[in-house]
Amino acid sequence: MIRESIAKLVDRINLTEPEMETAMDEIMSGIATPAQIGSFITALRLKGETVGEIAGAARVMRKKATKVNISPSGLKNGIILDVVGTGGDGAKSFNVSTATAFVTAGAGITVAKHGNRAVSSQCGAADVLENLGVNLGINSRDVEKCINKTGIGFLFAPLFHGAMKYAAGPRKEIGIRSVFNLLGPLTNPAGATVLLLGVYNMNLTEKIARVLNRLGIKEAFVVCGVGGLDEISISGFTKVSRVSNRTVSTFDITPEEFGIPRVSLKEIKGGDAAQNAQIIKDIFDGKRGAKRDMVLINASAAFVAAGYARDFKEGILLGEKVIDSGRAKEKLAELIRFTSSLQG
């Protein structure tokens, strides 16, 4: 019962994974009251979420999600990639992970991009994709067809996580970060097997990597750039926690290690949906500079995780080839064409 779990959390006692699953199931089934939900997520935040608690919550959210079933015959090496972030970094960067998704898809990786509208930033993945001309409101079967046909699809979170509606009111009224801010990137409805996941706090990289490991993800990078950027940064160092072969390792990287010049944060800032859409178009049209470099260094990590590159330097070279050949631009065009054909 969620009341017993709240009492434990108030006393700063960690919940077991099954206890967390029971509490989350009550929340996501509409059994828990709004007051109980608000108390639960606040007490959990004050205590601090453990790996087991986050994993337990993610398991329930995965179970409740509307699934997207990708045909195994269309997958290379059984890989489904998601490039995703928690958001809320406050850095106001452009939509790096969204641009990165098209670069990786352009290299032949099957991409199921999971995302939402902006919560604390000016522009979320859904906002920029909508501005680019992607139809967001397609159902799970059409997303399946889209991914199987084009190699990339966008999973608009509200359409796949209907059970989240029970927590929406309390979350909005409380207005604090909670475990729910971490769950979106962990609960891809297509069952992503490889992840590049950005978090808003460096203290979270190893914790979230251990959650992914517990959830059975074989390859992932969990990253946080200096200043709380939920991407790999070219404005300073980035803390990286890698999941590989059931182990987790944590280290720091800098852009200079990979031949990319360091820049100020203002050089990678974005704006609203229209401005960020134009930034992505410019990159795919061949415009060089810091914003392209941001996409390249993030794509390189995704390529390494997916086994398409041996190291970041090789991944950067692959990313350059994909952009310069027009394959990233074509992937965006394919997604727009396919989803637009489903309108009306």
Protein backbone atom coordinates (compact mmCIF):
# COMPACT_ATOMS: atom_id res chain seq x y z
CA MET A 1 0.00 0.00 0.00
CA ILE A 2 1.24 3.47 -0.88
CA ARG A 3 0.47 4.79 2.64
CA GLU A 4 3.00 2.40 4.15
CA SER A 5 5.55 3.40 1.51
CA ILE A 6 5.04 7.10 2.27
CA ALA A 7 5.60 6.41 5.98
CA LYS A 8 8.86 4.64 5.18
CA LEU A 9 10.08 7.41 2.90
CA VAL A 10 9.31 10.10 5.49
CA ASP A 11 11.57 8.17 7.87
CA ARG A 12 14.22 8.04 5.10
CA ILE A 13 13.96 4.28 4.72
CA ASN A 14 14.66 2.97 1.22
CA LEU A 15 11.92 1.00 -0.49
CA THR A 16 12.67 -2.41 -1.92
CA GLU A 17 12.20 -2.76 -5.66
CA PRO A 18 8.93 -4.73 -5.20
CA GLU A 19 7.64 -2.08 -2.75
CA MET A 20 8.39 0.62 -5.31
CA GLU A 21 6.63 -1.36 -8.01
CA THR A 22 3.53 -1.74 -5.82
CA ALA A 23 3.41 1.99 -5.03
CA MET A 24 3.92 2.98 -8.66
CA ASP A 25 1.26 0.53 -9.78
CA GLU A 26 -1.21 2.20 -7.41
CA ILE A 27 -0.24 5.61 -8.79
CA MET A 28 -0.49 4.56 -12.44
CA SER A 29 -3.71 2.61 -11.98
CA GLY A 30 -5.61 5.53 -10.46
CA ILE A 31 -5.85 3.91 -7.02
CA ALA A 32 -3.66 6.43 -5.17
CA THR A 33 -5.24 9.80 -4.39
CA PRO A 34 -3.67 13.07 -5.60
CA ALA A 35 -2.62 13.85 -2.01
CA GLN A 36 -0.92 10.47 -1.71
CA ILE A 37 0.85 10.90 -5.05
CA GLY A 38 2.12 14.35 -4.08
CA SER A 39 3.29 13.13 -0.68
CA PHE A 40 4.97 10.08 -2.18
CA ILE A 41 7.02 11.86 -4.84
CA THR A 42 7.99 14.65 -2.44
CA ALA A 43 9.13 12.25 0.30
CA LEU A 44 11.02 10.16 -2.26
CA ARG A 45 12.79 13.24 -3.61
CA LEU A 46 13.76 14.41 -0.11
CA LYS A 47 15.15 10.98 0.78
CA GLY A 48 16.85 10.56 -2.58
CA GLU A 49 15.96 7.89 -5.13
CA THR A 50 18.00 4.68 -5.09
CA VAL A 51 18.91 2.60 -8.14
CA GLY A 52 16.37 -0.04 -7.10
CA GLU A 53 13.58 2.50 -6.59
CA ILE A 54 14.12 4.10 -10.00
CA ALA A 55 14.34 0.69 -11.67
CA GLY A 56 11.15 -0.47 -9.96
CA ALA A 57 9.28 2.65 -11.07
CA ALA A 58 10.58 2.25 -14.62
CA ARG A 59 9.44 -1.38 -14.78
CA VAL A 60 5.86 -0.38 -13.93
CA MET A 61 5.85 2.51 -16.40
CA ARG A 62 7.20 0.19 -19.11
CA LYS A 63 4.49 -2.36 -18.34
CA LYS A 64 1.74 0.28 -18.54
CA ALA A 65 3.02 1.84 -21.79
CA THR A 66 1.43 1.27 -25.19
CA LYS A 67 4.02 -0.85 -26.97
CA VAL A 68 5.61 -0.30 -30.37
CA ASN A 69 6.65 -3.62 -31.90
CA ILE A 70 9.55 -3.32 -34.33
CA SER A 71 10.02 -6.12 -36.86
CA PRO A 72 13.24 -7.99 -35.97
CA SER A 73 13.88 -8.63 -39.67
CA GLY A 74 14.46 -4.91 -40.20
CA LEU A 75 17.02 -4.57 -37.43
CA LYS A 76 20.76 -4.64 -37.85
CA ASN A 77 22.38 -6.61 -35.02
CA GLY A 78 19.12 -6.40 -33.06
CA ILE A 79 19.72 -2.71 -32.30
CA ILE A 80 17.03 -0.14 -31.57
CA LEU A 81 18.61 3.18 -30.57
CA ASP A 82 17.16 6.03 -28.55
CA VAL A 83 18.93 9.37 -28.18
CA VAL A 84 17.16 11.09 -25.33
CA GLY A 85 17.60 13.46 -22.41
CA THR A 86 15.88 14.31 -19.16
CA GLY A 87 15.70 17.96 -20.21
CA GLY A 88 15.60 20.67 -17.62
CA ASP A 89 19.28 21.48 -17.93
CA GLY A 90 18.71 25.24 -18.09
CA ALA A 91 21.49 25.62 -20.68
CA LYS A 92 19.01 26.53 -23.44
CA SER A 93 20.97 24.55 -26.02
CA PHE A 94 19.29 23.65 -29.30
CA ASN A 95 17.79 20.18 -29.83
CA VAL A 96 21.06 18.28 -30.09
CA SER A 97 19.62 14.82 -29.40
CA THR A 98 16.94 15.27 -32.07
CA ALA A 99 19.51 16.22 -34.69
CA THR A 100 21.73 13.36 -33.52
CA ALA A 101 18.89 10.88 -34.04
CA PHE A 102 18.78 11.67 -37.77
CA VAL A 103 22.55 11.39 -38.14
CA THR A 104 22.55 7.94 -36.54
CA ALA A 105 19.55 6.85 -38.61
CA GLY A 106 21.38 8.09 -41.70
CA ALA A 107 24.14 5.60 -40.91
CA GLY A 108 21.64 2.74 -40.96
CA ILE A 109 20.82 2.38 -37.26
CA THR A 110 17.15 1.81 -36.41
CA VAL A 111 16.11 4.77 -34.24
CA ALA A 112 13.03 5.02 -32.00
CA LYS A 113 13.21 8.58 -30.67
CA HIS A 114 11.16 8.98 -27.52
CA GLY A 115 10.33 12.51 -26.43
CA ASN A 116 7.90 15.19 -25.39
CA ARG A 117 7.18 18.88 -25.58
CA ALA A 118 9.24 21.35 -23.59
CA VAL A 119 8.81 21.22 -19.84
CA SER A 120 11.40 23.64 -18.50
CA SER A 121 13.20 24.59 -21.73
CA GLN A 122 12.00 26.69 -24.66
CA CYS A 123 11.76 23.79 -27.07
CA GLY A 124 11.40 20.04 -26.63
CA ALA A 125 11.93 17.33 -29.25
CA ALA A 126 8.23 17.28 -30.10
CA ASP A 127 8.15 21.06 -30.56
CA VAL A 128 11.04 21.17 -33.02
CA LEU A 129 9.90 18.10 -34.97
CA GLU A 130 6.42 19.55 -35.31
CA ASN A 131 7.93 22.77 -36.63
CA LEU A 132 10.00 20.77 -39.12
CA GLY A 133 6.78 19.22 -40.45
CA VAL A 134 6.62 15.88 -38.64
CA ASN A 135 3.11 14.68 -37.72
CA LEU A 136 3.29 13.81 -34.01
CA GLY A 137 -0.21 12.42 -33.57
CA ILE A 138 0.18 8.96 -35.09
CA ASN A 139 -0.76 5.80 -33.23
CA SER A 140 1.49 2.95 -32.19
CA ARG A 141 0.79 0.82 -35.28
CA ASP A 142 1.64 3.70 -37.60
CA VAL A 143 4.82 4.40 -35.64
CA GLU A 144 5.72 0.72 -36.10
CA LYS A 145 5.16 1.05 -39.86
CA CYS A 146 7.16 4.28 -39.92
CA ILE A 147 10.18 2.76 -38.19
CA ASN A 148 10.02 -0.44 -40.24
CA LYS A 149 9.84 1.55 -43.49
CA THR A 150 12.10 4.55 -42.85
CA GLY A 151 14.38 3.35 -40.06
CA ILE A 152 13.34 6.16 -37.73
CA GLY A 153 10.24 7.16 -35.82
CA PHE A 154 9.16 9.56 -33.10
CA LEU A 155 7.28 8.26 -30.08
CA PHE A 156 5.37 11.22 -28.64
CA ALA A 157 5.33 10.36 -24.94
CA PRO A 158 1.75 11.44 -24.03
CA LEU A 159 0.33 9.06 -26.65
CA PHE A 160 2.19 6.07 -25.23
CA HIS A 161 2.08 6.69 -21.47
CA GLY A 162 -1.61 7.23 -20.77
CA ALA A 163 -1.26 6.01 -17.18
CA MET A 164 0.90 9.05 -16.42
CA LYS A 165 -2.28 11.14 -16.37
CA TYR A 166 -2.89 10.23 -12.72
CA ALA A 167 0.36 11.88 -11.63
CA ALA A 168 0.09 14.91 -13.92
CA GLY A 169 -1.95 17.10 -11.56
CA PRO A 170 0.12 16.54 -8.40
CA ARG A 171 3.38 16.95 -10.34
CA LYS A 172 2.26 20.26 -11.81
CA GLU A 173 0.95 21.59 -8.50
CA ILE A 174 4.10 20.66 -6.59
CA GLY A 175 6.43 21.92 -9.31
CA ILE A 176 9.58 20.10 -8.17
CA ARG A 177 11.77 17.63 -9.98
CA SER A 178 10.83 14.11 -9.03
CA VAL A 179 11.45 10.52 -10.04
CA PHE A 180 9.09 11.10 -12.97
CA ASN A 181 11.64 13.44 -14.56
CA LEU A 182 14.00 10.47 -14.81
CA LEU A 183 11.52 7.88 -16.04
CA GLY A 184 10.79 9.11 -19.57
CA PRO A 185 14.25 8.28 -20.96
CA LEU A 186 14.11 4.86 -19.24
CA THR A 187 10.76 3.78 -20.67
CA ASN A 188 10.98 3.79 -24.46
CA PRO A 189 7.80 2.03 -25.72
CA ALA A 190 9.74 0.43 -28.59
CA GLY A 191 12.09 -1.28 -26.15
CA ALA A 192 15.28 0.55 -27.18
CA THR A 193 18.30 -1.70 -26.67
CA VAL A 194 21.01 0.98 -27.01
CA LEU A 195 20.84 4.46 -25.49
CA LEU A 196 22.60 7.78 -25.47
CA LEU A 197 20.93 9.35 -22.44
CA GLY A 198 21.58 12.85 -21.13
CA VAL A 199 20.86 13.83 -17.52
CA TYR A 200 20.70 17.25 -15.86
CA ASN A 201 23.10 16.54 -12.97
CA MET A 202 26.53 14.91 -12.98
CA ASN A 203 25.66 13.04 -9.79
CA LEU A 204 23.06 11.11 -11.78
CA THR A 205 25.19 9.61 -14.56
CA GLU A 206 26.41 6.55 -12.69
CA LYS A 207 23.11 6.03 -10.86
CA ILE A 208 21.10 6.04 -14.10
CA ALA A 209 23.69 3.83 -15.79
CA ARG A 210 23.23 1.30 -12.99
CA VAL A 211 19.46 1.52 -13.46
CA LEU A 212 19.88 0.78 -17.17
CA ASN A 213 22.14 -2.13 -16.32
CA ARG A 214 19.51 -3.49 -13.94
CA LEU A 215 16.84 -3.09 -16.62
CA GLY A 216 18.89 -5.21 -19.02
CA ILE A 217 20.25 -2.54 -21.36
CA LYS A 218 23.48 -3.92 -22.80
CA GLU A 219 25.05 -0.76 -24.25
CA ALA A 220 24.52 2.86 -23.23
CA PHE A 221 26.21 6.14 -22.49
CA VAL A 222 24.72 8.32 -19.74
CA VAL A 223 26.17 11.81 -20.01
CA CYS A 224 26.12 15.24 -18.38
CA GLY A 225 28.12 18.19 -19.63
CA VAL A 226 29.57 20.87 -17.39
CA GLY A 227 26.89 23.28 -16.22
CA GLY A 228 24.23 20.57 -16.18
CA LEU A 229 23.96 20.16 -19.95
CA ASP A 230 22.06 16.95 -20.74
CA GLU A 231 24.29 16.24 -23.74
CA ILE A 232 27.97 15.68 -24.38
CA SER A 233 29.35 19.21 -24.22
CA ILE A 234 31.93 21.03 -26.33
CA SER A 235 31.95 23.89 -23.80
CA GLY A 236 33.91 21.94 -21.17
CA PHE A 237 34.23 18.46 -19.79
CA THR A 238 31.47 15.86 -19.76
CA LYS A 239 30.94 13.16 -17.16
CA VAL A 240 30.19 9.86 -18.87
CA SER A 241 28.96 6.60 -17.36
CA ARG A 242 29.06 3.75 -19.84
CA VAL A 243 27.06 0.53 -19.67
CA SER A 244 28.80 -2.21 -21.63
CA ASN A 245 28.73 -5.99 -21.23
CA ARG A 246 26.83 -5.75 -17.92
CA THR A 247 29.42 -3.45 -16.34
CA VAL A 248 29.39 0.29 -15.59
CA SER A 249 32.43 2.55 -15.90
CA THR A 250 32.59 6.31 -15.27
CA PHE A 251 35.05 8.80 -16.73
CA ASP A 252 35.40 12.38 -17.99
CA ILE A 253 35.93 13.48 -21.58
CA THR A 254 36.78 16.84 -23.18
CA PRO A 255 36.14 18.00 -26.77
CA GLU A 256 39.86 18.55 -27.34
CA GLU A 257 40.48 14.80 -26.95
CA PHE A 258 38.59 14.28 -30.19
CA GLY A 259 39.91 17.22 -32.16
CA ILE A 260 36.91 19.47 -31.52
CA PRO A 261 37.59 23.03 -30.33
CA ARG A 262 36.09 24.18 -27.05
CA VAL A 263 33.52 26.98 -27.35
CA SER A 264 31.44 29.11 -25.01
CA LEU A 265 27.93 27.99 -24.07
CA LYS A 266 26.39 30.85 -26.03
CA GLU A 267 27.69 29.30 -29.26
CA ILE A 268 25.50 26.21 -28.79
CA LYS A 269 22.39 28.00 -27.55
CA GLY A 270 19.15 27.63 -29.39
CA GLY A 271 15.84 29.43 -29.23
CA ASP A 272 12.22 28.61 -29.88
CA ALA A 273 10.95 25.77 -32.06
CA ALA A 274 11.28 27.72 -35.31
CA GLN A 275 14.84 28.82 -34.52
CA ASN A 276 15.92 25.32 -33.49
CA ALA A 277 14.33 23.80 -36.59
CA GLN A 278 16.35 26.20 -38.73
CA ILE A 279 19.54 25.28 -36.85
CA ILE A 280 18.96 21.60 -37.64
CA LYS A 281 18.20 22.37 -41.30
CA ASP A 282 21.38 24.45 -41.56
CA ILE A 283 23.51 21.66 -40.07
CA PHE A 284 22.03 19.10 -42.47
CA ASP A 285 22.58 21.53 -45.36
CA GLY A 286 26.29 21.59 -44.58
CA LYS A 287 26.74 24.60 -42.30
CA ARG A 288 29.84 24.14 -40.17
CA GLY A 289 30.61 25.44 -36.70
CA ALA A 290 30.01 24.73 -33.03
CA LYS A 291 26.44 23.46 -33.42
CA ARG A 292 27.48 20.89 -36.02
CA ASP A 293 30.36 19.87 -33.74
CA MET A 294 27.88 19.31 -30.90
CA VAL A 295 25.86 16.95 -33.07
CA LEU A 296 28.99 15.13 -34.26
CA ILE A 297 30.38 14.46 -30.79
CA ASN A 298 27.02 13.20 -29.54
CA ALA A 299 26.46 11.08 -32.63
CA SER A 300 29.93 9.60 -32.16
CA ALA A 301 28.95 8.28 -28.71
CA ALA A 302 25.80 6.73 -30.16
CA PHE A 303 27.86 5.09 -32.91
CA VAL A 304 30.24 3.61 -30.34
CA ALA A 305 27.38 2.31 -28.18
CA ALA A 306 25.72 0.73 -31.24
CA GLY A 307 28.97 -0.86 -32.40
CA TYR A 308 29.24 1.28 -35.54
CA ALA A 309 32.50 2.91 -34.43
CA ARG A 310 35.42 1.69 -32.33
CA ASP A 311 35.96 5.05 -30.62
CA PHE A 312 34.74 8.64 -30.58
CA LYS A 313 37.17 9.81 -33.27
CA GLU A 314 35.95 7.15 -35.67
CA GLY A 315 32.38 8.03 -34.73
CA ILE A 316 32.95 11.70 -35.55
CA LEU A 317 34.29 10.76 -38.99
CA LEU A 318 31.22 8.60 -39.62
CA GLY A 319 28.93 11.44 -38.54
CA GLU A 320 30.67 13.82 -40.93
CA LYS A 321 30.15 11.36 -43.80
CA VAL A 322 26.46 10.97 -42.99
CA ILE A 323 25.83 14.73 -42.87
CA ASP A 324 28.01 15.62 -45.87
CA SER A 325 26.45 12.88 -48.02
CA GLY A 326 22.96 14.24 -47.33
CA ARG A 327 21.82 11.07 -45.57
CA ALA A 328 20.80 12.86 -42.35
CA LYS A 329 18.77 15.39 -44.34
CA GLU A 330 17.12 12.56 -46.30
CA LYS A 331 16.16 10.72 -43.10
CA LEU A 332 14.41 13.85 -41.86
CA ALA A 333 12.63 14.17 -45.21
CA GLU A 334 11.55 10.50 -45.08
CA LEU A 335 10.07 10.93 -41.61
CA ILE A 336 8.20 14.07 -42.66
CA ARG A 337 6.84 12.39 -45.81
CA PHE A 338 5.71 9.23 -44.06
CA THR A 339 4.02 10.90 -41.09
CA SER A 340 2.42 13.59 -43.27
CA SER A 341 0.86 10.90 -45.46
CA LEU A 342 -1.08 9.73 -42.40
CA GLN A 343 -2.76 13.06 -41.69
CA GLY A 344 -6.49 13.21 -42.15
